[in-house]
Amino acid sequence: MKHLLLILISFLLLSSPVIGNSHKGETLYGWDNPSGDGWLWKGYGDKENHTIYKGEVENGVPNGLGVLISPYGYKYVGSWKDGKMNGQGTDTFPESGKYVGSWKNGKQNGKGTMTYPNIGKYVGSWKNGEWWNGTFYDKDGKKPLVNGK
C-alpha cells in the first residue's frame, strides 16, 4: 500500500504544471537573436529595453496564448508555438496599423486584414509576411488596387 501511495504522489507531482514543463501566466523577456530569427527568450530582462511576453510557456518559450509588448508600444495578442507567433492573433503598431489574422512561424500567413490609419486596409491572404492575393481598399472603402500575386 505504501508503494502505491508513493507512486501516486510521484505521478501527481511530476504531472503538475508547477513542477512540469508547462506554465501559465509566466513572464519572459525577448532578447535579440544573433541569427535574426525571432527572439531568444529569458526569464530576466529590463522592460525599458526588452520585449515582454506574458502567457503560457512550455520548455522555456511562449507556447499557447499570450501577450507580447515592446518598449516602443508594439503589441501582439494571440497564439504561440515554439516561441513564435502561430495561429490566430492581433498585431498592433501604435502609429502604422493593425493586423488581425493568421500566423505561421512568426509571420503573417493565411487570411488576415491589415488596417493602415488614414490610408486604407488590405483584406486577403498572406504568405510569409507579405500580401498574397487580396484587395487593398482606400480609406473611403473603394478598391484602388487588387494584388493578385
N, C-alpha and C. Protein backbone atom coordinates (compact mmCIF):
# COMPACT_ATOMS: atom_id res chain seq x y z
N MET A 1 0.81 -1.18 0.00
CA MET A 1 0.00 0.00 0.00
C MET A 1 0.86 1.26 0.00
N LYS A 2 1.98 1.23 0.77
CA LYS A 2 2.88 2.38 0.82
C LYS A 2 3.45 2.68 -0.56
N HIS A 3 3.80 1.64 -1.30
CA HIS A 3 4.39 1.82 -2.63
C HIS A 3 3.38 2.43 -3.60
N LEU A 4 2.15 2.00 -3.52
CA LEU A 4 1.10 2.53 -4.38
C LEU A 4 0.88 4.01 -4.08
N LEU A 5 0.86 4.37 -2.81
CA LEU A 5 0.67 5.76 -2.41
C LEU A 5 1.87 6.60 -2.88
N LEU A 6 3.08 6.10 -2.75
CA LEU A 6 4.28 6.80 -3.18
C LEU A 6 4.26 7.00 -4.69
N ILE A 7 3.86 6.00 -5.44
CA ILE A 7 3.78 6.10 -6.90
C ILE A 7 2.74 7.14 -7.29
N LEU A 8 1.59 7.14 -6.64
CA LEU A 8 0.53 8.10 -6.92
C LEU A 8 0.99 9.52 -6.64
N ILE A 9 1.62 9.76 -5.52
CA ILE A 9 2.12 11.10 -5.17
C ILE A 9 3.19 11.54 -6.17
N SER A 10 4.09 10.65 -6.53
CA SER A 10 5.14 10.98 -7.51
C SER A 10 4.53 11.37 -8.84
N PHE A 11 3.55 10.62 -9.29
CA PHE A 11 2.88 10.91 -10.56
C PHE A 11 2.22 12.29 -10.52
N LEU A 12 1.51 12.59 -9.44
CA LEU A 12 0.84 13.88 -9.31
C LEU A 12 1.83 15.04 -9.30
N LEU A 13 2.94 14.89 -8.61
CA LEU A 13 3.94 15.94 -8.56
C LEU A 13 4.60 16.17 -9.92
N LEU A 14 4.94 15.10 -10.61
CA LEU A 14 5.61 15.23 -11.90
C LEU A 14 4.68 15.75 -12.99
N SER A 15 3.39 15.50 -12.88
CA SER A 15 2.46 15.97 -13.89
C SER A 15 1.90 17.35 -13.57
N SER A 16 2.23 17.89 -12.43
CA SER A 16 1.74 19.20 -12.01
C SER A 16 2.37 20.29 -12.87
N PRO A 17 1.58 21.31 -13.30
CA PRO A 17 2.15 22.40 -14.07
C PRO A 17 3.17 23.20 -13.26
N VAL A 18 3.12 23.12 -11.94
CA VAL A 18 4.08 23.84 -11.12
C VAL A 18 5.46 23.21 -11.24
N ILE A 19 5.51 21.90 -11.39
CA ILE A 19 6.79 21.20 -11.44
C ILE A 19 7.16 20.76 -12.86
N GLY A 20 6.17 20.54 -13.71
CA GLY A 20 6.41 20.09 -15.08
C GLY A 20 6.96 21.19 -15.97
N ASN A 21 6.90 21.00 -17.31
CA ASN A 21 7.46 21.94 -18.27
C ASN A 21 6.46 22.97 -18.77
N SER A 22 5.20 22.87 -18.42
CA SER A 22 4.18 23.78 -18.93
C SER A 22 3.71 24.72 -17.82
N HIS A 23 3.74 26.03 -18.10
CA HIS A 23 3.36 27.03 -17.11
C HIS A 23 2.43 28.05 -17.73
N LYS A 24 1.44 28.49 -16.95
CA LYS A 24 0.54 29.54 -17.41
C LYS A 24 0.86 30.81 -16.63
N GLY A 25 0.71 31.96 -17.29
CA GLY A 25 0.90 33.23 -16.62
C GLY A 25 2.35 33.57 -16.33
N GLU A 26 3.27 33.04 -17.08
CA GLU A 26 4.69 33.30 -16.86
C GLU A 26 5.14 34.53 -17.65
N THR A 27 6.20 35.18 -17.19
CA THR A 27 6.76 36.34 -17.89
C THR A 27 8.12 35.98 -18.45
N LEU A 28 8.32 36.29 -19.73
CA LEU A 28 9.61 36.10 -20.39
C LEU A 28 10.03 37.41 -21.04
N TYR A 29 11.33 37.55 -21.26
CA TYR A 29 11.86 38.73 -21.92
C TYR A 29 12.49 38.30 -23.24
N GLY A 30 12.19 39.04 -24.31
CA GLY A 30 12.75 38.74 -25.62
C GLY A 30 14.05 39.49 -25.84
N TRP A 31 15.11 38.74 -26.06
CA TRP A 31 16.42 39.30 -26.34
C TRP A 31 16.69 39.14 -27.83
N ASP A 32 17.45 40.08 -28.40
CA ASP A 32 17.80 39.98 -29.81
C ASP A 32 18.50 38.66 -30.08
N ASN A 33 18.12 38.04 -31.17
CA ASN A 33 18.71 36.77 -31.58
C ASN A 33 19.75 37.05 -32.66
N PRO A 34 21.01 36.72 -32.44
CA PRO A 34 22.05 36.98 -33.44
C PRO A 34 21.74 36.38 -34.81
N SER A 35 20.98 35.29 -34.85
CA SER A 35 20.65 34.67 -36.14
C SER A 35 19.57 35.46 -36.87
N GLY A 36 18.92 36.42 -36.17
CA GLY A 36 17.86 37.22 -36.79
C GLY A 36 16.53 36.50 -36.87
N ASP A 37 16.44 35.32 -36.29
CA ASP A 37 15.23 34.51 -36.37
C ASP A 37 14.46 34.57 -35.06
N GLY A 38 13.62 35.58 -34.90
CA GLY A 38 12.82 35.70 -33.68
C GLY A 38 13.64 36.19 -32.51
N TRP A 39 13.19 35.87 -31.32
CA TRP A 39 13.85 36.30 -30.09
C TRP A 39 14.46 35.12 -29.36
N LEU A 40 15.43 35.43 -28.50
CA LEU A 40 15.92 34.48 -27.52
C LEU A 40 15.13 34.78 -26.26
N TRP A 41 14.50 33.79 -25.67
CA TRP A 41 13.62 34.00 -24.52
C TRP A 41 14.36 33.72 -23.22
N LYS A 42 14.30 34.69 -22.29
CA LYS A 42 14.95 34.53 -21.00
C LYS A 42 13.99 34.96 -19.90
N GLY A 43 14.20 34.45 -18.71
CA GLY A 43 13.35 34.78 -17.57
C GLY A 43 13.72 36.08 -16.89
N TYR A 44 14.66 36.82 -17.45
CA TYR A 44 15.07 38.09 -16.88
C TYR A 44 15.29 39.10 -18.00
N GLY A 45 15.21 40.36 -17.65
CA GLY A 45 15.40 41.42 -18.62
C GLY A 45 15.01 42.76 -18.04
N ASP A 46 14.90 43.74 -18.89
CA ASP A 46 14.58 45.10 -18.50
C ASP A 46 13.44 45.60 -19.36
N LYS A 47 12.32 45.98 -18.74
CA LYS A 47 11.14 46.38 -19.51
C LYS A 47 11.39 47.64 -20.34
N GLU A 48 12.42 48.39 -20.02
CA GLU A 48 12.76 49.59 -20.81
C GLU A 48 13.48 49.22 -22.11
N ASN A 49 14.11 48.05 -22.15
CA ASN A 49 14.92 47.67 -23.31
C ASN A 49 14.51 46.37 -23.98
N HIS A 50 13.71 45.55 -23.32
CA HIS A 50 13.36 44.24 -23.87
C HIS A 50 11.85 44.10 -24.08
N THR A 51 11.52 43.32 -25.08
CA THR A 51 10.13 42.96 -25.31
C THR A 51 9.70 42.02 -24.19
N ILE A 52 8.47 42.19 -23.69
CA ILE A 52 7.97 41.36 -22.59
C ILE A 52 6.84 40.49 -23.08
N TYR A 53 6.92 39.20 -22.74
CA TYR A 53 5.85 38.24 -23.06
C TYR A 53 5.23 37.77 -21.75
N LYS A 54 3.90 37.75 -21.71
CA LYS A 54 3.18 37.19 -20.56
C LYS A 54 2.15 36.21 -21.09
N GLY A 55 2.22 34.98 -20.58
CA GLY A 55 1.26 33.98 -21.02
C GLY A 55 1.76 32.57 -20.78
N GLU A 56 1.24 31.67 -21.60
CA GLU A 56 1.57 30.25 -21.46
C GLU A 56 2.97 29.99 -22.00
N VAL A 57 3.72 29.19 -21.25
CA VAL A 57 5.10 28.87 -21.59
C VAL A 57 5.31 27.37 -21.50
N GLU A 58 6.03 26.84 -22.47
CA GLU A 58 6.40 25.42 -22.44
C GLU A 58 7.85 25.30 -22.87
N ASN A 59 8.63 24.58 -22.12
CA ASN A 59 10.06 24.39 -22.39
C ASN A 59 10.82 25.70 -22.54
N GLY A 60 10.43 26.71 -21.76
CA GLY A 60 11.15 27.97 -21.72
C GLY A 60 10.82 28.96 -22.82
N VAL A 61 9.82 28.68 -23.65
CA VAL A 61 9.43 29.59 -24.73
C VAL A 61 7.91 29.76 -24.77
N PRO A 62 7.43 30.87 -25.34
CA PRO A 62 5.98 31.04 -25.46
C PRO A 62 5.35 29.89 -26.25
N ASN A 63 4.28 29.34 -25.69
CA ASN A 63 3.56 28.23 -26.31
C ASN A 63 2.14 28.27 -25.78
N GLY A 64 1.17 28.55 -26.64
CA GLY A 64 -0.22 28.70 -26.21
C GLY A 64 -0.65 30.13 -26.41
N LEU A 65 -1.45 30.65 -25.49
CA LEU A 65 -1.95 32.03 -25.59
C LEU A 65 -1.08 32.97 -24.79
N GLY A 66 -0.82 34.15 -25.36
CA GLY A 66 -0.01 35.12 -24.65
C GLY A 66 -0.06 36.50 -25.26
N VAL A 67 0.56 37.44 -24.54
CA VAL A 67 0.63 38.85 -24.96
C VAL A 67 2.09 39.27 -24.99
N LEU A 68 2.46 39.95 -26.07
CA LEU A 68 3.82 40.47 -26.24
C LEU A 68 3.72 41.99 -26.33
N ILE A 69 4.54 42.69 -25.54
CA ILE A 69 4.54 44.15 -25.58
C ILE A 69 5.99 44.63 -25.66
N SER A 70 6.25 45.51 -26.64
CA SER A 70 7.61 46.05 -26.77
C SER A 70 7.70 47.39 -26.05
N PRO A 71 8.92 47.83 -25.74
CA PRO A 71 9.07 49.13 -25.09
C PRO A 71 8.63 50.29 -26.00
N TYR A 72 8.43 50.02 -27.29
CA TYR A 72 8.07 51.05 -28.26
C TYR A 72 6.57 51.09 -28.55
N GLY A 73 5.78 50.30 -27.82
CA GLY A 73 4.34 50.33 -27.97
C GLY A 73 3.74 49.25 -28.85
N TYR A 74 4.58 48.47 -29.54
CA TYR A 74 4.10 47.37 -30.36
C TYR A 74 3.47 46.31 -29.44
N LYS A 75 2.37 45.69 -29.91
CA LYS A 75 1.69 44.69 -29.08
C LYS A 75 1.15 43.57 -29.96
N TYR A 76 1.31 42.33 -29.49
CA TYR A 76 0.73 41.16 -30.15
C TYR A 76 -0.05 40.39 -29.10
N VAL A 77 -1.28 40.03 -29.44
CA VAL A 77 -2.12 39.21 -28.56
C VAL A 77 -2.59 38.03 -29.39
N GLY A 78 -2.26 36.81 -28.93
CA GLY A 78 -2.70 35.65 -29.70
C GLY A 78 -1.96 34.37 -29.35
N SER A 79 -1.94 33.48 -30.33
CA SER A 79 -1.38 32.14 -30.17
C SER A 79 0.11 32.11 -30.50
N TRP A 80 0.78 31.19 -29.81
CA TRP A 80 2.23 30.98 -29.97
C TRP A 80 2.52 29.50 -30.10
N LYS A 81 3.59 29.19 -30.82
CA LYS A 81 4.07 27.81 -30.89
C LYS A 81 5.60 27.86 -31.00
N ASP A 82 6.26 27.16 -30.10
CA ASP A 82 7.72 27.07 -30.10
C ASP A 82 8.40 28.44 -30.13
N GLY A 83 7.84 29.41 -29.38
CA GLY A 83 8.46 30.72 -29.25
C GLY A 83 8.15 31.71 -30.36
N LYS A 84 7.27 31.33 -31.30
CA LYS A 84 6.93 32.21 -32.41
C LYS A 84 5.41 32.37 -32.52
N MET A 85 4.98 33.51 -33.06
CA MET A 85 3.56 33.74 -33.28
C MET A 85 3.06 32.68 -34.26
N ASN A 86 1.97 32.02 -33.88
CA ASN A 86 1.47 30.91 -34.69
C ASN A 86 0.00 30.69 -34.38
N GLY A 87 -0.85 30.68 -35.39
CA GLY A 87 -2.29 30.55 -35.18
C GLY A 87 -2.96 31.90 -35.38
N GLN A 88 -3.97 32.21 -34.59
CA GLN A 88 -4.69 33.48 -34.72
C GLN A 88 -4.12 34.52 -33.76
N GLY A 89 -4.01 35.77 -34.25
CA GLY A 89 -3.51 36.82 -33.39
C GLY A 89 -3.77 38.20 -33.94
N THR A 90 -3.57 39.19 -33.08
CA THR A 90 -3.72 40.60 -33.45
C THR A 90 -2.43 41.33 -33.13
N ASP A 91 -1.92 42.00 -34.13
CA ASP A 91 -0.68 42.74 -34.09
C ASP A 91 -1.03 44.22 -34.12
N THR A 92 -0.58 45.03 -33.18
CA THR A 92 -0.90 46.45 -33.19
C THR A 92 0.37 47.27 -33.17
N PHE A 93 0.50 48.14 -34.16
CA PHE A 93 1.62 49.07 -34.24
C PHE A 93 1.05 50.45 -33.92
N PRO A 94 1.57 51.17 -32.93
CA PRO A 94 0.95 52.41 -32.46
C PRO A 94 0.63 53.43 -33.55
N GLU A 95 1.52 53.63 -34.49
CA GLU A 95 1.30 54.68 -35.49
C GLU A 95 1.07 54.15 -36.90
N SER A 96 1.39 52.88 -37.15
CA SER A 96 1.35 52.44 -38.54
C SER A 96 0.25 51.43 -38.87
N GLY A 97 -0.44 50.84 -37.90
CA GLY A 97 -1.53 49.96 -38.27
C GLY A 97 -1.78 48.80 -37.34
N LYS A 98 -2.71 47.96 -37.81
CA LYS A 98 -3.14 46.81 -37.02
C LYS A 98 -3.43 45.64 -37.96
N TYR A 99 -2.87 44.48 -37.60
CA TYR A 99 -3.12 43.25 -38.36
C TYR A 99 -3.91 42.28 -37.50
N VAL A 100 -4.97 41.72 -38.09
CA VAL A 100 -5.78 40.71 -37.41
C VAL A 100 -5.86 39.52 -38.37
N GLY A 101 -5.38 38.35 -37.92
CA GLY A 101 -5.44 37.20 -38.80
C GLY A 101 -4.55 36.06 -38.37
N SER A 102 -4.15 35.27 -39.37
CA SER A 102 -3.39 34.03 -39.15
C SER A 102 -1.88 34.27 -39.20
N TRP A 103 -1.19 33.44 -38.42
CA TRP A 103 0.27 33.48 -38.33
C TRP A 103 0.84 32.08 -38.47
N LYS A 104 2.07 32.01 -38.97
CA LYS A 104 2.79 30.75 -39.01
C LYS A 104 4.28 31.07 -38.90
N ASN A 105 4.95 30.44 -37.94
CA ASN A 105 6.39 30.65 -37.74
C ASN A 105 6.79 32.12 -37.61
N GLY A 106 5.97 32.91 -36.91
CA GLY A 106 6.31 34.30 -36.64
C GLY A 106 5.97 35.29 -37.73
N LYS A 107 5.32 34.83 -38.81
CA LYS A 107 4.96 35.73 -39.92
C LYS A 107 3.49 35.58 -40.26
N GLN A 108 2.92 36.66 -40.83
CA GLN A 108 1.53 36.58 -41.28
C GLN A 108 1.45 35.52 -42.38
N ASN A 109 0.50 34.60 -42.22
CA ASN A 109 0.32 33.51 -43.18
C ASN A 109 -1.13 33.08 -43.13
N GLY A 110 -1.80 33.06 -44.27
CA GLY A 110 -3.22 32.71 -44.32
C GLY A 110 -4.06 33.96 -44.45
N LYS A 111 -5.29 33.91 -43.97
CA LYS A 111 -6.23 35.03 -44.10
C LYS A 111 -5.98 36.09 -43.04
N GLY A 112 -6.08 37.36 -43.44
CA GLY A 112 -5.91 38.44 -42.48
C GLY A 112 -6.26 39.79 -43.06
N THR A 113 -6.36 40.77 -42.17
CA THR A 113 -6.66 42.15 -42.55
C THR A 113 -5.66 43.07 -41.88
N MET A 114 -5.04 43.93 -42.69
CA MET A 114 -4.12 44.94 -42.17
C MET A 114 -4.76 46.29 -42.41
N THR A 115 -4.97 47.04 -41.33
CA THR A 115 -5.57 48.37 -41.42
C THR A 115 -4.49 49.41 -41.18
N TYR A 116 -4.37 50.34 -42.14
CA TYR A 116 -3.40 51.43 -42.05
C TYR A 116 -4.16 52.72 -41.77
N PRO A 117 -3.89 53.41 -40.66
CA PRO A 117 -4.64 54.63 -40.33
C PRO A 117 -4.51 55.68 -41.44
N ASN A 118 -5.63 56.29 -41.78
CA ASN A 118 -5.70 57.37 -42.77
C ASN A 118 -5.29 56.96 -44.18
N ILE A 119 -5.10 55.66 -44.44
CA ILE A 119 -4.70 55.21 -45.77
C ILE A 119 -5.72 54.23 -46.33
N GLY A 120 -6.00 53.17 -45.57
CA GLY A 120 -6.93 52.15 -46.03
C GLY A 120 -6.64 50.83 -45.37
N LYS A 121 -7.06 49.74 -46.05
CA LYS A 121 -6.79 48.43 -45.48
C LYS A 121 -6.64 47.38 -46.57
N TYR A 122 -5.86 46.36 -46.24
CA TYR A 122 -5.67 45.21 -47.12
C TYR A 122 -6.43 44.04 -46.50
N VAL A 123 -7.25 43.38 -47.32
CA VAL A 123 -8.02 42.22 -46.87
C VAL A 123 -7.71 41.07 -47.82
N GLY A 124 -7.27 39.96 -47.28
CA GLY A 124 -6.97 38.82 -48.14
C GLY A 124 -6.00 37.85 -47.52
N SER A 125 -5.25 37.19 -48.38
CA SER A 125 -4.29 36.18 -47.95
C SER A 125 -2.90 36.78 -47.79
N TRP A 126 -2.14 36.12 -46.93
CA TRP A 126 -0.75 36.49 -46.67
C TRP A 126 0.11 35.25 -46.86
N LYS A 127 1.34 35.46 -47.30
CA LYS A 127 2.29 34.36 -47.44
C LYS A 127 3.65 34.85 -46.97
N ASN A 128 4.17 34.22 -45.91
CA ASN A 128 5.48 34.59 -45.35
C ASN A 128 5.60 36.08 -45.04
N GLY A 129 4.55 36.67 -44.49
CA GLY A 129 4.58 38.06 -44.06
C GLY A 129 4.28 39.08 -45.15
N GLU A 130 3.91 38.63 -46.34
CA GLU A 130 3.63 39.55 -47.45
C GLU A 130 2.23 39.34 -47.99
N TRP A 131 1.67 40.42 -48.57
CA TRP A 131 0.35 40.30 -49.21
C TRP A 131 0.39 39.20 -50.26
N TRP A 132 -0.70 38.45 -50.35
CA TRP A 132 -0.76 37.37 -51.32
C TRP A 132 -2.22 37.17 -51.73
N ASN A 133 -2.60 37.71 -52.86
CA ASN A 133 -3.94 37.51 -53.41
C ASN A 133 -5.04 38.08 -52.52
N GLY A 134 -5.12 39.40 -52.50
CA GLY A 134 -6.16 40.08 -51.73
C GLY A 134 -6.50 41.41 -52.35
N THR A 135 -7.21 42.23 -51.63
CA THR A 135 -7.64 43.53 -52.14
C THR A 135 -7.28 44.62 -51.15
N PHE A 136 -6.76 45.73 -51.69
CA PHE A 136 -6.49 46.90 -50.87
C PHE A 136 -7.61 47.91 -51.10
N TYR A 137 -8.23 48.33 -49.99
CA TYR A 137 -9.29 49.33 -50.04
C TYR A 137 -8.73 50.64 -49.51
N ASP A 138 -9.06 51.76 -50.20
CA ASP A 138 -8.60 53.04 -49.68
C ASP A 138 -9.42 53.43 -48.45
N LYS A 139 -9.10 54.57 -47.85
CA LYS A 139 -9.76 54.96 -46.61
C LYS A 139 -11.26 55.20 -46.76
N ASP A 140 -11.72 55.40 -48.00
CA ASP A 140 -13.14 55.59 -48.27
C ASP A 140 -13.85 54.28 -48.61
N GLY A 141 -13.11 53.17 -48.56
CA GLY A 141 -13.70 51.86 -48.84
C GLY A 141 -13.73 51.49 -50.31
N LYS A 142 -13.09 52.27 -51.17
CA LYS A 142 -13.02 51.95 -52.60
C LYS A 142 -11.85 51.01 -52.84
N LYS A 143 -11.88 50.32 -53.99
CA LYS A 143 -10.84 49.35 -54.30
C LYS A 143 -9.86 49.89 -55.35
N PRO A 144 -8.84 50.66 -54.94
CA PRO A 144 -7.93 51.19 -55.94
C PRO A 144 -6.89 50.19 -56.43
N LEU A 145 -6.66 49.11 -55.67
CA LEU A 145 -5.58 48.18 -56.03
C LEU A 145 -6.01 46.76 -55.73
N VAL A 146 -5.79 45.88 -56.68
CA VAL A 146 -6.02 44.46 -56.45
C VAL A 146 -4.68 43.78 -56.59
N ASN A 147 -4.29 43.06 -55.56
CA ASN A 147 -3.00 42.37 -55.57
C ASN A 147 -3.25 40.90 -55.90
N GLY A 148 -2.82 40.46 -57.05
CA GLY A 148 -3.09 39.08 -57.45
C GLY A 148 -1.85 38.26 -57.65
N LYS A 149 -0.91 38.33 -56.70
CA LYS A 149 0.32 37.53 -56.82
C LYS A 149 0.01 36.09 -57.07
